[in-house]
Amino acid sequence: MSKPYFETVKSFADVPITDDGVDTASFLEASNGLVQLFDLLGSGIFGFVQSDIRGNIAGVRARYQSASPQSQTLESLVRSEKSEENHHGTACLVRLMRGFAFLCNALQHMQNDPSIELHVCFKRSYDEVLRHHHSFLIRSIASVAVRAVPHRHDFYARISQGGSTEKLDVELTKWLAGLALIVKRIKTFLEDGGYGRV
């Protein structure tokens, strides 16, 4: 039997945040784990979001690898790119925060109201976070994807992978709190600094 999802990935709750900012290497490691969460939703579900998230993680990672001394935190990565012509890492981080805000918001809705189905949580989150960034065509695709989200019970079974749901709730709460803290911090930093709108 495979280990439960939250026992196999780095939690956003464990990403170091100092006065200098969010540790880039740890953030990227936790981000890879988030992509795996989409895999557990089922093939094709939010494939466009997952693809976008993967591409944006790769963009942030490429910047980190090419300018590691100047990119130890997400904030320093963005600042170091400001004086350059190419702001690809920053643009990827802005889009990545949108995707993370979407997933975080949806799962927070799920945790805050155990009586509602997962597709309702994702629909609410899409309308709150991503809808205004998308064209009519993308909104239509998103609408179809939302209807294909698994039932709440099935999703819990997939991410607990045979483990205790009580333990899952504890780990998910910590993971979401860590993710929400990072999203809020980086969103504020990007928008206040004029680097991009999440």
Protein backbone atom coordinates (compact mmCIF):
# COMPACT_ATOMS: atom_id res chain seq x y z
CA MET A 1 0.00 0.00 0.00
CA SER A 2 1.34 3.44 -0.88
CA LYS A 3 1.86 6.03 1.84
CA PRO A 4 -0.77 8.74 2.33
CA TYR A 5 -0.20 11.82 0.19
CA PHE A 6 0.76 14.14 3.05
CA GLU A 7 3.41 11.70 4.28
CA THR A 8 5.18 11.72 0.91
CA VAL A 9 5.43 15.42 0.04
CA LYS A 10 7.01 18.46 1.63
CA SER A 11 4.39 20.53 3.43
CA PHE A 12 4.09 24.25 2.79
CA ALA A 13 3.97 24.49 6.60
CA ASP A 14 7.65 23.42 6.58
CA VAL A 15 8.84 26.06 4.09
CA PRO A 16 11.11 28.47 5.99
CA ILE A 17 10.01 32.11 6.02
CA THR A 18 12.42 34.69 7.44
CA ASP A 19 12.67 38.47 7.37
CA ASP A 20 14.37 38.04 3.99
CA GLY A 21 11.39 36.12 2.59
CA VAL A 22 10.15 32.68 1.53
CA ASP A 23 12.94 30.13 0.99
CA THR A 24 12.95 29.41 -2.76
CA ALA A 25 14.38 25.87 -2.73
CA SER A 26 11.92 24.63 -0.07
CA PHE A 27 9.04 26.40 -1.80
CA LEU A 28 9.86 24.67 -5.09
CA GLU A 29 10.02 21.28 -3.35
CA ALA A 30 6.60 21.81 -1.73
CA SER A 31 5.25 23.05 -5.08
CA ASN A 32 6.17 19.76 -6.73
CA GLY A 33 4.04 18.03 -4.10
CA LEU A 34 1.10 20.27 -4.91
CA VAL A 35 1.21 19.15 -8.55
CA GLN A 36 0.87 15.56 -7.31
CA LEU A 37 -2.35 16.58 -5.54
CA PHE A 38 -3.89 17.39 -8.93
CA ASP A 39 -2.91 13.89 -10.11
CA LEU A 40 -5.01 12.49 -7.26
CA LEU A 41 -8.05 14.47 -8.45
CA GLY A 42 -8.11 12.22 -11.51
CA SER A 43 -6.75 12.31 -15.03
CA GLY A 44 -7.63 15.40 -16.98
CA ILE A 45 -9.26 17.25 -14.10
CA PHE A 46 -8.04 20.82 -14.31
CA GLY A 47 -5.37 19.67 -16.73
CA PHE A 48 -4.99 23.22 -17.99
CA VAL A 49 -4.37 24.50 -14.45
CA GLN A 50 -1.97 21.66 -13.70
CA SER A 51 -0.07 22.27 -16.93
CA ASP A 52 0.12 25.99 -16.17
CA ILE A 53 1.35 25.30 -12.62
CA ARG A 54 4.02 22.87 -13.88
CA GLY A 55 5.24 25.39 -16.45
CA ASN A 56 5.35 28.18 -13.90
CA ILE A 57 7.22 26.06 -11.36
CA ALA A 58 9.75 25.30 -14.13
CA GLY A 59 10.08 29.03 -14.86
CA VAL A 60 10.73 29.93 -11.23
CA ARG A 61 13.15 26.98 -10.91
CA ALA A 62 15.05 28.05 -14.05
CA ARG A 63 15.53 31.54 -12.62
CA TYR A 64 16.61 30.09 -9.26
CA GLN A 65 19.15 27.79 -10.92
CA SER A 66 20.57 30.49 -13.20
CA ALA A 67 20.91 33.11 -10.45
CA SER A 68 20.91 31.10 -7.24
CA PRO A 69 22.90 33.54 -5.05
CA GLN A 70 20.42 36.33 -5.88
CA SER A 71 17.37 34.06 -5.59
CA GLN A 72 17.57 32.46 -2.17
CA THR A 73 14.09 33.77 -1.36
CA LEU A 74 11.16 34.33 -3.70
CA GLU A 75 11.30 38.03 -2.89
CA SER A 76 15.02 38.31 -3.71
CA LEU A 77 14.44 36.37 -6.94
CA VAL A 78 11.89 38.96 -8.04
CA ARG A 79 14.00 41.93 -6.95
CA SER A 80 17.09 40.59 -8.71
CA GLU A 81 15.17 40.27 -11.99
CA LYS A 82 13.82 43.82 -11.85
CA SER A 83 16.97 45.37 -13.31
CA GLU A 84 17.12 42.86 -16.17
CA GLU A 85 15.31 42.84 -19.51
CA ASN A 86 13.83 39.39 -18.97
CA HIS A 87 11.34 39.07 -16.10
CA HIS A 88 10.31 35.50 -16.90
CA GLY A 89 10.81 34.16 -13.35
CA THR A 90 8.67 36.95 -11.90
CA ALA A 91 5.89 36.44 -14.47
CA CYS A 92 5.91 32.71 -13.69
CA LEU A 93 5.72 33.42 -9.94
CA VAL A 94 2.71 35.72 -10.44
CA ARG A 95 0.83 33.04 -12.41
CA LEU A 96 1.93 30.34 -9.96
CA MET A 97 0.47 32.30 -7.05
CA ARG A 98 -2.85 32.51 -8.95
CA GLY A 99 -2.97 28.73 -9.34
CA PHE A 100 -1.98 28.16 -5.73
CA ALA A 101 -4.54 30.68 -4.49
CA PHE A 102 -7.20 28.83 -6.50
CA LEU A 103 -6.39 25.41 -5.04
CA CYS A 104 -5.86 26.72 -1.51
CA ASN A 105 -9.16 28.60 -1.58
CA ALA A 106 -11.06 25.55 -2.89
CA LEU A 107 -9.66 23.24 -0.23
CA GLN A 108 -10.30 25.81 2.51
CA HIS A 109 -13.95 25.95 1.39
CA MET A 110 -13.99 22.14 1.60
CA GLN A 111 -12.58 22.13 5.12
CA ASN A 112 -14.73 25.00 6.39
CA ASP A 113 -18.00 23.41 5.26
CA PRO A 114 -18.03 19.59 5.44
CA SER A 115 -21.58 19.51 4.02
CA ILE A 116 -20.74 20.82 0.53
CA GLU A 117 -19.43 18.78 -2.36
CA LEU A 118 -15.98 19.36 -3.81
CA HIS A 119 -17.22 20.66 -7.17
CA VAL A 120 -19.04 23.50 -5.34
CA CYS A 121 -15.79 24.38 -3.50
CA PHE A 122 -13.82 24.48 -6.76
CA LYS A 123 -16.52 26.50 -8.53
CA ARG A 124 -16.55 29.10 -5.75
CA SER A 125 -12.78 29.29 -5.76
CA TYR A 126 -12.59 29.59 -9.55
CA ASP A 127 -15.10 32.46 -9.50
CA GLU A 128 -13.21 34.22 -6.68
CA VAL A 129 -9.63 33.74 -7.88
CA LEU A 130 -9.26 32.91 -11.57
CA ARG A 131 -12.41 33.78 -13.50
CA HIS A 132 -11.54 37.45 -14.03
CA HIS A 133 -8.17 36.47 -15.55
CA HIS A 134 -9.69 34.19 -18.20
CA SER A 135 -11.37 34.56 -21.58
CA PHE A 136 -14.83 33.17 -22.29
CA LEU A 137 -13.27 30.04 -23.85
CA ILE A 138 -11.14 29.26 -20.79
CA ARG A 139 -14.15 29.91 -18.51
CA SER A 140 -16.12 27.34 -20.51
CA ILE A 141 -13.33 24.76 -20.16
CA ALA A 142 -13.12 25.49 -16.43
CA SER A 143 -16.87 25.01 -16.07
CA VAL A 144 -16.61 21.52 -17.58
CA ALA A 145 -13.58 20.68 -15.42
CA VAL A 146 -15.38 21.75 -12.23
CA ARG A 147 -18.24 19.34 -12.98
CA ALA A 148 -15.72 16.50 -13.34
CA VAL A 149 -14.17 16.96 -9.89
CA PRO A 150 -14.57 13.76 -7.83
CA HIS A 151 -17.03 13.49 -4.97
CA ARG A 152 -15.71 14.70 -1.65
CA HIS A 153 -15.61 11.17 -0.20
CA ASP A 154 -13.66 9.83 -3.20
CA PHE A 155 -11.17 12.69 -3.04
CA TYR A 156 -10.54 12.07 0.67
CA ALA A 157 -10.03 8.37 -0.06
CA ARG A 158 -7.50 9.25 -2.78
CA ILE A 159 -5.41 11.62 -0.69
CA SER A 160 -5.58 9.55 2.51
CA GLN A 161 -4.57 6.44 0.51
CA GLY A 162 -5.72 4.11 3.24
CA GLY A 163 -4.50 6.30 6.11
CA SER A 164 -6.57 7.82 8.88
CA THR A 165 -8.92 10.62 7.79
CA GLU A 166 -8.46 12.27 11.19
CA LYS A 167 -4.70 12.44 10.61
CA LEU A 168 -5.37 13.63 7.07
CA ASP A 169 -7.50 16.50 8.37
CA VAL A 170 -4.73 17.58 10.76
CA GLU A 171 -2.06 17.46 8.03
CA LEU A 172 -4.30 19.14 5.44
CA THR A 173 -5.07 21.95 7.89
CA LYS A 174 -1.34 22.57 8.50
CA TRP A 175 -0.54 22.30 4.76
CA LEU A 176 -3.29 24.75 3.83
CA ALA A 177 -2.30 27.21 6.57
CA GLY A 178 1.29 27.16 5.29
CA LEU A 179 0.18 27.58 1.68
CA ALA A 180 -2.27 30.38 2.54
CA LEU A 181 0.45 32.24 4.45
CA ILE A 182 2.87 32.04 1.50
CA VAL A 183 0.21 33.01 -1.06
CA LYS A 184 -0.89 36.02 1.00
CA ARG A 185 2.68 37.15 1.64
CA ILE A 186 3.84 36.83 -1.98
CA LYS A 187 0.61 38.29 -3.39
CA THR A 188 1.06 41.39 -1.21
CA PHE A 189 4.75 41.64 -2.11
CA LEU A 190 4.11 41.33 -5.86
CA GLU A 191 1.16 43.70 -5.98
CA ASP A 192 2.58 46.35 -3.61
CA GLY A 193 5.88 46.29 -5.52
CA GLY A 194 4.17 46.63 -8.89
CA TYR A 195 5.56 43.28 -10.09
CA GLY A 196 2.20 41.81 -11.12
CA ARG A 197 -1.39 41.21 -10.06
CA VAL A 198 -2.30 37.88 -8.51
